[in-house]
Amino acid sequence: MNEEADLLLSMAEESMEQTIQFLDKSLSRIRAGKASVNILDNIRVNYYGTPSPLVNVATVTIPDARTIAIQPWEKNLIKDIEKAIMASDLGITPANNGETIHLAIPPLTEERRRQLTKQVRQEAEDAKISVRNARRDAIDSIKKLVKDGMSEDNGKDYEEKIQKSHDKFIKRIDEIAADKEREIMTV
């Protein structure tokens, strides 16, 4: 029974860790007024009839803190890349010199900063819900094991371990969200 309970605990922690990784990835796409290649993650370019991620058809670099440079691997892709950027929700107009596309990242307005911090809080809340669900599922499974013959003391010990993991991950989510909010609000 203890092996089963250990497995439940490790599965719950793995689920919580995946939630943290997903949150990190989601927050990296929120631009904080600085250039970041991650804001281009969702852009797909029509490459010979197939929608392909931008990073699969071009080299993306950051020459300075407020500029992203996109160097297509094939010159004929420049127009397609520009169309994909214009069609996206980035809100940035691309400029090209015939060989390279430059995206100038505008400084964020106060109102936009507030919107982005709300978005960060929502992403963090979604992550917390996911962690709580993992805790609930694990505790329900432990209670089932207690019904099936595990001692109640053992069951309570595992419930405490699950709760401690939950608390640790919730704290990490709060820290990650606070760091991102600080980054966004820094002018």
N, C-alpha and C. Protein backbone atom coordinates (compact mmCIF):
# COMPACT_ATOMS: atom_id res chain seq x y z
N MET A 1 0.82 -1.20 0.00
CA MET A 1 0.00 0.00 0.00
C MET A 1 0.86 1.26 0.00
N ASN A 2 1.98 1.20 0.75
CA ASN A 2 2.84 2.38 0.80
C ASN A 2 3.46 2.70 -0.56
N GLU A 3 3.79 1.63 -1.33
CA GLU A 3 4.35 1.87 -2.66
C GLU A 3 3.32 2.60 -3.53
N GLU A 4 2.07 2.18 -3.41
CA GLU A 4 1.01 2.83 -4.17
C GLU A 4 0.86 4.30 -3.75
N ALA A 5 0.93 4.53 -2.46
CA ALA A 5 0.81 5.89 -1.93
C ALA A 5 2.00 6.74 -2.37
N ASP A 6 3.21 6.13 -2.35
CA ASP A 6 4.41 6.86 -2.82
C ASP A 6 4.25 7.23 -4.29
N LEU A 7 3.72 6.30 -5.08
CA LEU A 7 3.49 6.55 -6.49
C LEU A 7 2.49 7.69 -6.68
N LEU A 8 1.42 7.68 -5.91
CA LEU A 8 0.43 8.76 -5.98
C LEU A 8 1.06 10.11 -5.65
N LEU A 9 1.89 10.12 -4.62
CA LEU A 9 2.56 11.35 -4.22
C LEU A 9 3.47 11.86 -5.33
N SER A 10 4.27 10.96 -5.91
CA SER A 10 5.19 11.40 -6.97
C SER A 10 4.43 11.83 -8.22
N MET A 11 3.32 11.17 -8.52
CA MET A 11 2.52 11.58 -9.69
C MET A 11 1.91 12.97 -9.46
N ALA A 12 1.45 13.24 -8.25
CA ALA A 12 0.89 14.56 -7.94
C ALA A 12 1.96 15.63 -8.07
N GLU A 13 3.16 15.34 -7.53
CA GLU A 13 4.25 16.32 -7.62
C GLU A 13 4.67 16.54 -9.07
N GLU A 14 4.68 15.49 -9.87
CA GLU A 14 5.04 15.62 -11.28
C GLU A 14 4.01 16.49 -12.01
N SER A 15 2.75 16.28 -11.71
CA SER A 15 1.69 17.09 -12.30
C SER A 15 1.84 18.56 -11.91
N MET A 16 2.18 18.81 -10.65
CA MET A 16 2.37 20.18 -10.17
C MET A 16 3.58 20.82 -10.85
N GLU A 17 4.65 20.04 -11.03
CA GLU A 17 5.86 20.54 -11.70
C GLU A 17 5.56 20.90 -13.16
N GLN A 18 4.76 20.07 -13.82
CA GLN A 18 4.37 20.37 -15.20
C GLN A 18 3.56 21.66 -15.27
N THR A 19 2.74 21.89 -14.26
CA THR A 19 1.97 23.13 -14.20
C THR A 19 2.90 24.33 -14.12
N ILE A 20 3.94 24.22 -13.30
CA ILE A 20 4.92 25.31 -13.17
C ILE A 20 5.61 25.55 -14.52
N GLN A 21 6.00 24.48 -15.20
CA GLN A 21 6.66 24.62 -16.50
C GLN A 21 5.73 25.28 -17.51
N PHE A 22 4.46 24.90 -17.49
CA PHE A 22 3.49 25.50 -18.40
C PHE A 22 3.32 26.99 -18.09
N LEU A 23 3.27 27.33 -16.81
CA LEU A 23 3.15 28.72 -16.40
C LEU A 23 4.35 29.52 -16.89
N ASP A 24 5.56 28.98 -16.69
CA ASP A 24 6.77 29.66 -17.16
C ASP A 24 6.68 29.95 -18.65
N LYS A 25 6.26 28.95 -19.41
CA LYS A 25 6.17 29.10 -20.86
C LYS A 25 5.12 30.15 -21.23
N SER A 26 3.98 30.10 -20.56
CA SER A 26 2.91 31.06 -20.84
C SER A 26 3.36 32.48 -20.53
N LEU A 27 4.03 32.66 -19.40
CA LEU A 27 4.45 34.00 -19.01
C LEU A 27 5.58 34.52 -19.89
N SER A 28 6.37 33.62 -20.45
CA SER A 28 7.47 34.08 -21.31
C SER A 28 6.94 34.70 -22.60
N ARG A 29 5.69 34.38 -22.96
CA ARG A 29 5.10 34.94 -24.17
C ARG A 29 4.52 36.34 -23.93
N ILE A 30 4.38 36.72 -22.68
CA ILE A 30 3.85 38.05 -22.38
C ILE A 30 5.00 39.03 -22.44
N ARG A 31 4.91 39.96 -23.38
CA ARG A 31 6.04 40.87 -23.54
C ARG A 31 6.00 41.96 -22.47
N ALA A 32 7.15 42.25 -21.94
CA ALA A 32 7.24 43.21 -20.84
C ALA A 32 7.96 44.48 -21.29
N GLY A 33 7.84 44.84 -22.57
CA GLY A 33 8.49 46.05 -23.06
C GLY A 33 9.91 45.81 -23.51
N LYS A 34 10.40 44.59 -23.34
CA LYS A 34 11.74 44.24 -23.78
C LYS A 34 11.61 43.23 -24.92
N ALA A 35 12.57 43.23 -25.80
CA ALA A 35 12.55 42.28 -26.90
C ALA A 35 12.78 40.86 -26.37
N SER A 36 11.98 39.92 -26.87
CA SER A 36 12.12 38.53 -26.49
C SER A 36 11.66 37.67 -27.65
N VAL A 37 12.46 36.68 -28.02
CA VAL A 37 12.06 35.81 -29.14
C VAL A 37 10.81 35.01 -28.80
N ASN A 38 10.52 34.83 -27.51
CA ASN A 38 9.36 34.03 -27.11
C ASN A 38 8.03 34.63 -27.57
N ILE A 39 7.98 35.95 -27.80
CA ILE A 39 6.71 36.53 -28.23
C ILE A 39 6.35 36.08 -29.65
N LEU A 40 7.30 35.49 -30.35
CA LEU A 40 7.05 35.01 -31.72
C LEU A 40 6.67 33.53 -31.77
N ASP A 41 6.58 32.88 -30.62
CA ASP A 41 6.34 31.43 -30.56
C ASP A 41 5.08 30.99 -31.29
N ASN A 42 4.02 31.79 -31.24
CA ASN A 42 2.75 31.37 -31.84
C ASN A 42 2.59 31.77 -33.29
N ILE A 43 3.59 32.42 -33.87
CA ILE A 43 3.48 32.88 -35.26
C ILE A 43 3.84 31.75 -36.21
N ARG A 44 2.92 31.49 -37.15
CA ARG A 44 3.12 30.45 -38.16
C ARG A 44 3.25 31.12 -39.52
N VAL A 45 4.20 30.66 -40.32
CA VAL A 45 4.47 31.20 -41.64
C VAL A 45 4.12 30.12 -42.67
N ASN A 46 3.47 30.52 -43.75
CA ASN A 46 3.13 29.59 -44.80
C ASN A 46 4.41 29.24 -45.58
N TYR A 47 4.92 28.04 -45.36
CA TYR A 47 6.16 27.60 -45.98
C TYR A 47 5.86 26.44 -46.92
N TYR A 48 5.81 26.73 -48.21
CA TYR A 48 5.46 25.73 -49.22
C TYR A 48 4.14 25.03 -48.89
N GLY A 49 3.15 25.84 -48.51
CA GLY A 49 1.83 25.30 -48.25
C GLY A 49 1.62 24.75 -46.85
N THR A 50 2.64 24.74 -46.02
CA THR A 50 2.52 24.21 -44.67
C THR A 50 2.75 25.32 -43.65
N PRO A 51 1.81 25.53 -42.72
CA PRO A 51 2.05 26.52 -41.66
C PRO A 51 3.18 26.02 -40.76
N SER A 52 4.28 26.77 -40.73
CA SER A 52 5.45 26.38 -39.95
C SER A 52 5.77 27.45 -38.92
N PRO A 53 6.31 27.05 -37.76
CA PRO A 53 6.73 28.05 -36.78
C PRO A 53 7.79 28.98 -37.38
N LEU A 54 7.71 30.25 -37.04
CA LEU A 54 8.63 31.24 -37.57
C LEU A 54 10.09 30.84 -37.37
N VAL A 55 10.41 30.28 -36.19
CA VAL A 55 11.80 29.91 -35.91
C VAL A 55 12.30 28.76 -36.78
N ASN A 56 11.36 28.07 -37.50
CA ASN A 56 11.78 26.98 -38.39
C ASN A 56 12.10 27.46 -39.79
N VAL A 57 11.83 28.75 -40.09
CA VAL A 57 12.08 29.26 -41.44
C VAL A 57 12.99 30.50 -41.44
N ALA A 58 13.42 30.92 -40.26
CA ALA A 58 14.24 32.13 -40.17
C ALA A 58 15.09 32.11 -38.91
N THR A 59 16.15 32.91 -38.93
CA THR A 59 16.98 33.10 -37.75
C THR A 59 16.45 34.34 -37.03
N VAL A 60 16.16 34.19 -35.75
CA VAL A 60 15.62 35.29 -34.96
C VAL A 60 16.67 35.71 -33.93
N THR A 61 17.03 36.99 -33.96
CA THR A 61 18.03 37.51 -33.02
C THR A 61 17.51 38.77 -32.35
N ILE A 62 18.20 39.16 -31.29
CA ILE A 62 17.86 40.38 -30.57
C ILE A 62 19.10 41.28 -30.55
N PRO A 63 19.20 42.20 -31.52
CA PRO A 63 20.38 43.06 -31.58
C PRO A 63 20.47 44.07 -30.43
N ASP A 64 19.32 44.51 -29.90
CA ASP A 64 19.33 45.38 -28.72
C ASP A 64 18.05 45.14 -27.92
N ALA A 65 17.90 45.81 -26.80
CA ALA A 65 16.81 45.53 -25.86
C ALA A 65 15.42 45.79 -26.42
N ARG A 66 15.32 46.59 -27.48
CA ARG A 66 14.00 46.94 -28.00
C ARG A 66 13.79 46.51 -29.46
N THR A 67 14.64 45.64 -29.98
CA THR A 67 14.53 45.25 -31.38
C THR A 67 14.68 43.73 -31.54
N ILE A 68 13.85 43.17 -32.42
CA ILE A 68 13.98 41.77 -32.82
C ILE A 68 14.28 41.77 -34.31
N ALA A 69 15.32 41.04 -34.71
CA ALA A 69 15.68 40.94 -36.12
C ALA A 69 15.35 39.52 -36.60
N ILE A 70 14.69 39.45 -37.75
CA ILE A 70 14.31 38.16 -38.33
C ILE A 70 14.96 38.05 -39.70
N GLN A 71 15.84 37.07 -39.84
CA GLN A 71 16.56 36.84 -41.10
C GLN A 71 16.02 35.56 -41.73
N PRO A 72 15.13 35.68 -42.76
CA PRO A 72 14.57 34.47 -43.38
C PRO A 72 15.68 33.66 -44.06
N TRP A 73 15.51 32.34 -44.06
CA TRP A 73 16.49 31.48 -44.69
C TRP A 73 16.38 31.56 -46.22
N GLU A 74 15.19 31.94 -46.68
CA GLU A 74 14.97 32.14 -48.11
C GLU A 74 14.37 33.52 -48.30
N LYS A 75 14.96 34.33 -49.21
CA LYS A 75 14.51 35.72 -49.39
C LYS A 75 13.03 35.83 -49.73
N ASN A 76 12.49 34.86 -50.49
CA ASN A 76 11.10 34.95 -50.90
C ASN A 76 10.12 34.80 -49.74
N LEU A 77 10.59 34.47 -48.55
CA LEU A 77 9.72 34.32 -47.38
C LEU A 77 9.43 35.64 -46.66
N ILE A 78 10.15 36.70 -47.03
CA ILE A 78 10.00 37.97 -46.30
C ILE A 78 8.53 38.42 -46.28
N LYS A 79 7.87 38.40 -47.42
CA LYS A 79 6.47 38.86 -47.49
C LYS A 79 5.55 37.97 -46.64
N ASP A 80 5.79 36.65 -46.69
CA ASP A 80 4.97 35.73 -45.89
C ASP A 80 5.17 35.96 -44.40
N ILE A 81 6.42 36.20 -44.00
CA ILE A 81 6.70 36.46 -42.59
C ILE A 81 6.03 37.75 -42.14
N GLU A 82 6.14 38.79 -43.00
CA GLU A 82 5.49 40.06 -42.65
C GLU A 82 3.98 39.88 -42.51
N LYS A 83 3.36 39.14 -43.42
CA LYS A 83 1.91 38.89 -43.34
C LYS A 83 1.56 38.17 -42.05
N ALA A 84 2.35 37.17 -41.69
CA ALA A 84 2.08 36.39 -40.47
C ALA A 84 2.19 37.28 -39.23
N ILE A 85 3.16 38.18 -39.22
CA ILE A 85 3.33 39.07 -38.07
C ILE A 85 2.17 40.06 -38.00
N MET A 86 1.77 40.60 -39.16
CA MET A 86 0.66 41.56 -39.18
C MET A 86 -0.65 40.88 -38.76
N ALA A 87 -0.83 39.62 -39.13
CA ALA A 87 -2.06 38.89 -38.80
C ALA A 87 -2.10 38.44 -37.34
N SER A 88 -0.94 38.44 -36.67
CA SER A 88 -0.88 37.98 -35.27
C SER A 88 -1.41 39.07 -34.35
N ASP A 89 -1.49 38.74 -33.05
CA ASP A 89 -1.98 39.70 -32.06
C ASP A 89 -0.84 40.47 -31.40
N LEU A 90 0.33 40.50 -32.04
CA LEU A 90 1.48 41.21 -31.45
C LEU A 90 1.26 42.71 -31.38
N GLY A 91 0.63 43.26 -32.40
CA GLY A 91 0.43 44.71 -32.43
C GLY A 91 1.69 45.47 -32.78
N ILE A 92 2.59 44.82 -33.51
CA ILE A 92 3.86 45.46 -33.91
C ILE A 92 3.93 45.42 -35.44
N THR A 93 4.25 46.55 -36.05
CA THR A 93 4.39 46.60 -37.50
C THR A 93 5.82 46.27 -37.88
N PRO A 94 6.00 45.25 -38.72
CA PRO A 94 7.35 44.88 -39.13
C PRO A 94 7.91 45.86 -40.17
N ALA A 95 9.21 46.05 -40.14
CA ALA A 95 9.90 46.88 -41.14
C ALA A 95 10.96 45.99 -41.77
N ASN A 96 11.04 46.02 -43.12
CA ASN A 96 12.06 45.18 -43.75
C ASN A 96 12.92 45.99 -44.70
N ASN A 97 14.18 45.55 -44.82
CA ASN A 97 15.13 46.23 -45.70
C ASN A 97 15.44 45.37 -46.93
N GLY A 98 14.59 44.40 -47.19
CA GLY A 98 14.80 43.51 -48.33
C GLY A 98 15.47 42.20 -47.94
N GLU A 99 16.19 42.20 -46.83
CA GLU A 99 16.87 40.98 -46.39
C GLU A 99 16.50 40.59 -44.97
N THR A 100 16.24 41.58 -44.13
CA THR A 100 15.95 41.34 -42.72
C THR A 100 14.69 42.10 -42.32
N ILE A 101 13.91 41.47 -41.46
CA ILE A 101 12.72 42.13 -40.91
C ILE A 101 13.08 42.57 -39.49
N HIS A 102 12.76 43.81 -39.17
CA HIS A 102 13.01 44.33 -37.83
C HIS A 102 11.68 44.63 -37.15
N LEU A 103 11.58 44.22 -35.90
CA LEU A 103 10.41 44.54 -35.08
C LEU A 103 10.89 45.46 -33.96
N ALA A 104 10.40 46.69 -33.96
CA ALA A 104 10.73 47.62 -32.89
C ALA A 104 9.70 47.43 -31.78
N ILE A 105 10.15 47.04 -30.61
CA ILE A 105 9.26 46.81 -29.47
C ILE A 105 8.98 48.16 -28.81
N PRO A 106 7.72 48.62 -28.90
CA PRO A 106 7.42 49.92 -28.30
C PRO A 106 7.37 49.82 -26.78
N PRO A 107 7.70 50.93 -26.11
CA PRO A 107 7.57 50.90 -24.65
C PRO A 107 6.09 50.76 -24.29
N LEU A 108 5.83 50.09 -23.18
CA LEU A 108 4.45 49.84 -22.77
C LEU A 108 3.85 51.07 -22.10
N THR A 109 2.57 51.31 -22.39
CA THR A 109 1.87 52.38 -21.68
C THR A 109 1.47 51.87 -20.30
N GLU A 110 1.13 52.78 -19.42
CA GLU A 110 0.72 52.40 -18.07
C GLU A 110 -0.52 51.49 -18.12
N GLU A 111 -1.46 51.84 -19.00
CA GLU A 111 -2.68 51.04 -19.12
C GLU A 111 -2.36 49.63 -19.61
N ARG A 112 -1.45 49.52 -20.59
CA ARG A 112 -1.07 48.21 -21.12
C ARG A 112 -0.35 47.39 -20.05
N ARG A 113 0.47 48.05 -19.25
CA ARG A 113 1.16 47.35 -18.16
C ARG A 113 0.15 46.75 -17.18
N ARG A 114 -0.88 47.52 -16.87
CA ARG A 114 -1.93 47.03 -15.96
C ARG A 114 -2.66 45.83 -16.57
N GLN A 115 -2.96 45.91 -17.88
CA GLN A 115 -3.62 44.78 -18.55
C GLN A 115 -2.74 43.53 -18.48
N LEU A 116 -1.45 43.71 -18.73
CA LEU A 116 -0.54 42.57 -18.72
C LEU A 116 -0.40 41.96 -17.32
N THR A 117 -0.40 42.81 -16.27
CA THR A 117 -0.33 42.25 -14.92
C THR A 117 -1.61 41.48 -14.58
N LYS A 118 -2.76 41.95 -15.09
CA LYS A 118 -4.00 41.19 -14.90
C LYS A 118 -3.89 39.84 -15.59
N GLN A 119 -3.30 39.84 -16.79
CA GLN A 119 -3.12 38.59 -17.53
C GLN A 119 -2.20 37.64 -16.76
N VAL A 120 -1.13 38.19 -16.18
CA VAL A 120 -0.20 37.38 -15.39
C VAL A 120 -0.94 36.77 -14.20
N ARG A 121 -1.75 37.59 -13.52
CA ARG A 121 -2.49 37.08 -12.36
C ARG A 121 -3.45 35.97 -12.76
N GLN A 122 -4.08 36.12 -13.93
CA GLN A 122 -5.02 35.10 -14.40
C GLN A 122 -4.28 33.80 -14.72
N GLU A 123 -3.12 33.92 -15.37
CA GLU A 123 -2.32 32.72 -15.68
C GLU A 123 -1.89 32.03 -14.38
N ALA A 124 -1.49 32.84 -13.38
CA ALA A 124 -1.08 32.28 -12.09
C ALA A 124 -2.26 31.60 -11.40
N GLU A 125 -3.44 32.21 -11.47
CA GLU A 125 -4.62 31.61 -10.84
C GLU A 125 -4.98 30.29 -11.52
N ASP A 126 -4.87 30.24 -12.85
CA ASP A 126 -5.13 28.99 -13.57
C ASP A 126 -4.15 27.90 -13.13
N ALA A 127 -2.89 28.29 -12.94
CA ALA A 127 -1.88 27.33 -12.49
C ALA A 127 -2.20 26.83 -11.08
N LYS A 128 -2.65 27.74 -10.20
CA LYS A 128 -3.01 27.34 -8.84
C LYS A 128 -4.17 26.35 -8.85
N ILE A 129 -5.13 26.60 -9.73
CA ILE A 129 -6.28 25.68 -9.83
C ILE A 129 -5.80 24.30 -10.24
N SER A 130 -4.88 24.26 -11.18
CA SER A 130 -4.34 22.98 -11.65
C SER A 130 -3.62 22.25 -10.51
N VAL A 131 -2.85 23.00 -9.72
CA VAL A 131 -2.13 22.40 -8.58
C VAL A 131 -3.13 21.89 -7.54
N ARG A 132 -4.17 22.68 -7.29
CA ARG A 132 -5.19 22.25 -6.32
C ARG A 132 -5.90 20.98 -6.80
N ASN A 133 -6.16 20.91 -8.10
CA ASN A 133 -6.80 19.71 -8.65
C ASN A 133 -5.91 18.48 -8.48
N ALA A 134 -4.62 18.65 -8.69
CA ALA A 134 -3.68 17.53 -8.51
C ALA A 134 -3.69 17.08 -7.05
N ARG A 135 -3.72 18.06 -6.12
CA ARG A 135 -3.78 17.73 -4.69
C ARG A 135 -5.07 16.97 -4.37
N ARG A 136 -6.19 17.49 -4.85
CA ARG A 136 -7.48 16.86 -4.57
C ARG A 136 -7.51 15.42 -5.09
N ASP A 137 -7.05 15.22 -6.34
CA ASP A 137 -7.06 13.87 -6.92
C ASP A 137 -6.19 12.92 -6.10
N ALA A 138 -5.02 13.40 -5.68
CA ALA A 138 -4.10 12.54 -4.91
C ALA A 138 -4.71 12.20 -3.55
N ILE A 139 -5.30 13.19 -2.88
CA ILE A 139 -5.89 12.94 -1.56
C ILE A 139 -7.09 11.99 -1.68
N ASP A 140 -7.90 12.16 -2.74
CA ASP A 140 -9.02 11.23 -2.95
C ASP A 140 -8.51 9.80 -3.14
N SER A 141 -7.41 9.65 -3.87
CA SER A 141 -6.84 8.32 -4.09
C SER A 141 -6.29 7.73 -2.79
N ILE A 142 -5.69 8.57 -1.95
CA ILE A 142 -5.18 8.11 -0.65
C ILE A 142 -6.35 7.65 0.22
N LYS A 143 -7.44 8.41 0.22
CA LYS A 143 -8.62 8.02 1.01
C LYS A 143 -9.16 6.67 0.54
N LYS A 144 -9.10 6.44 -0.78
CA LYS A 144 -9.53 5.15 -1.31
C LYS A 144 -8.63 4.03 -0.80
N LEU A 145 -7.31 4.31 -0.73
CA LEU A 145 -6.36 3.31 -0.22
C LEU A 145 -6.65 3.00 1.26
N VAL A 146 -7.02 4.04 2.02
CA VAL A 146 -7.36 3.83 3.44
C VAL A 146 -8.58 2.92 3.54
N LYS A 147 -9.57 3.14 2.68
CA LYS A 147 -10.76 2.26 2.67
C LYS A 147 -10.38 0.83 2.32
N ASP A 148 -9.36 0.70 1.44
CA ASP A 148 -8.94 -0.63 0.99
C ASP A 148 -7.96 -1.32 1.94
N GLY A 149 -7.69 -0.70 3.10
CA GLY A 149 -6.87 -1.40 4.08
C GLY A 149 -5.64 -0.67 4.59
N MET A 150 -5.27 0.47 4.02
CA MET A 150 -4.13 1.22 4.53
C MET A 150 -4.51 1.80 5.89
N SER A 151 -3.55 1.87 6.80
CA SER A 151 -3.86 2.41 8.13
C SER A 151 -4.20 3.90 8.01
N GLU A 152 -5.09 4.35 8.90
CA GLU A 152 -5.50 5.76 8.85
C GLU A 152 -4.34 6.69 9.13
N ASP A 153 -3.44 6.29 10.03
CA ASP A 153 -2.26 7.12 10.33
C ASP A 153 -1.40 7.30 9.09
N ASN A 154 -1.16 6.19 8.38
CA ASN A 154 -0.40 6.28 7.13
C ASN A 154 -1.10 7.20 6.14
N GLY A 155 -2.42 7.05 6.05
CA GLY A 155 -3.20 7.89 5.14
C GLY A 155 -3.06 9.35 5.47
N LYS A 156 -3.14 9.67 6.76
CA LYS A 156 -2.99 11.07 7.21
C LYS A 156 -1.59 11.59 6.89
N ASP A 157 -0.56 10.74 7.10
CA ASP A 157 0.82 11.14 6.79
C ASP A 157 0.95 11.51 5.31
N TYR A 158 0.38 10.68 4.44
CA TYR A 158 0.47 10.96 3.00
C TYR A 158 -0.33 12.20 2.62
N GLU A 159 -1.47 12.39 3.27
CA GLU A 159 -2.25 13.60 3.00
C GLU A 159 -1.45 14.85 3.39
N GLU A 160 -0.72 14.77 4.52
CA GLU A 160 0.12 15.89 4.94
C GLU A 160 1.23 16.14 3.93
N LYS A 161 1.86 15.06 3.44
CA LYS A 161 2.93 15.21 2.43
C LYS A 161 2.40 15.87 1.16
N ILE A 162 1.22 15.44 0.74
CA ILE A 162 0.61 16.02 -0.45
C ILE A 162 0.31 17.50 -0.22
N GLN A 163 -0.20 17.83 0.97
CA GLN A 163 -0.50 19.22 1.29
C GLN A 163 0.78 20.07 1.30
N LYS A 164 1.87 19.52 1.84
CA LYS A 164 3.14 20.25 1.86
C LYS A 164 3.63 20.52 0.44
N SER A 165 3.52 19.52 -0.44
CA SER A 165 3.90 19.71 -1.84
C SER A 165 3.03 20.79 -2.48
N HIS A 166 1.75 20.72 -2.21
CA HIS A 166 0.81 21.72 -2.73
C HIS A 166 1.24 23.12 -2.30
N ASP A 167 1.51 23.28 -1.00
CA ASP A 167 1.89 24.59 -0.48
C ASP A 167 3.18 25.10 -1.13
N LYS A 168 4.14 24.18 -1.32
CA LYS A 168 5.42 24.55 -1.94
C LYS A 168 5.19 25.06 -3.38
N PHE A 169 4.36 24.36 -4.14
CA PHE A 169 4.13 24.75 -5.52
C PHE A 169 3.30 26.03 -5.62
N ILE A 170 2.34 26.22 -4.75
CA ILE A 170 1.56 27.46 -4.74
C ILE A 170 2.48 28.64 -4.45
N LYS A 171 3.42 28.46 -3.52
CA LYS A 171 4.37 29.52 -3.20
C LYS A 171 5.23 29.84 -4.42
N ARG A 172 5.68 28.80 -5.14
CA ARG A 172 6.49 29.02 -6.36
C ARG A 172 5.70 29.79 -7.41
N ILE A 173 4.43 29.45 -7.56
CA ILE A 173 3.58 30.16 -8.53
C ILE A 173 3.48 31.63 -8.16
N ASP A 174 3.26 31.92 -6.87
CA ASP A 174 3.18 33.30 -6.41
C ASP A 174 4.48 34.05 -6.70
N GLU A 175 5.63 33.39 -6.46
CA GLU A 175 6.93 34.03 -6.71
C GLU A 175 7.14 34.30 -8.19
N ILE A 176 6.80 33.33 -9.03
CA ILE A 176 6.97 33.50 -10.47
C ILE A 176 6.10 34.65 -10.98
N ALA A 177 4.84 34.69 -10.52
CA ALA A 177 3.92 35.75 -10.95
C ALA A 177 4.40 37.12 -10.46
N ALA A 178 4.88 37.19 -9.22
CA ALA A 178 5.37 38.46 -8.68
C ALA A 178 6.58 38.96 -9.47
N ASP A 179 7.48 38.03 -9.83
CA ASP A 179 8.66 38.41 -10.62
C ASP A 179 8.23 38.97 -11.98
N LYS A 180 7.28 38.31 -12.63
CA LYS A 180 6.82 38.76 -13.95
C LYS A 180 6.12 40.10 -13.84
N GLU A 181 5.31 40.30 -12.79
CA GLU A 181 4.64 41.58 -12.60
C GLU A 181 5.66 42.69 -12.39
N ARG A 182 6.69 42.39 -11.60
CA ARG A 182 7.75 43.38 -11.38
C ARG A 182 8.43 43.74 -12.70
N GLU A 183 8.70 42.72 -13.52
CA GLU A 183 9.34 42.95 -14.82
C GLU A 183 8.46 43.83 -15.71
N ILE A 184 7.16 43.58 -15.69
CA ILE A 184 6.24 44.36 -16.53
C ILE A 184 6.13 45.80 -16.03
N MET A 185 6.06 45.98 -14.73
CA MET A 185 5.85 47.32 -14.18
C MET A 185 7.13 48.17 -14.14
N THR A 186 8.29 47.55 -14.37
CA THR A 186 9.54 48.31 -14.40
C THR A 186 9.62 49.06 -15.72
N VAL A 187 9.76 50.36 -15.61
CA VAL A 187 9.81 51.20 -16.83
C VAL A 187 11.23 51.26 -17.35
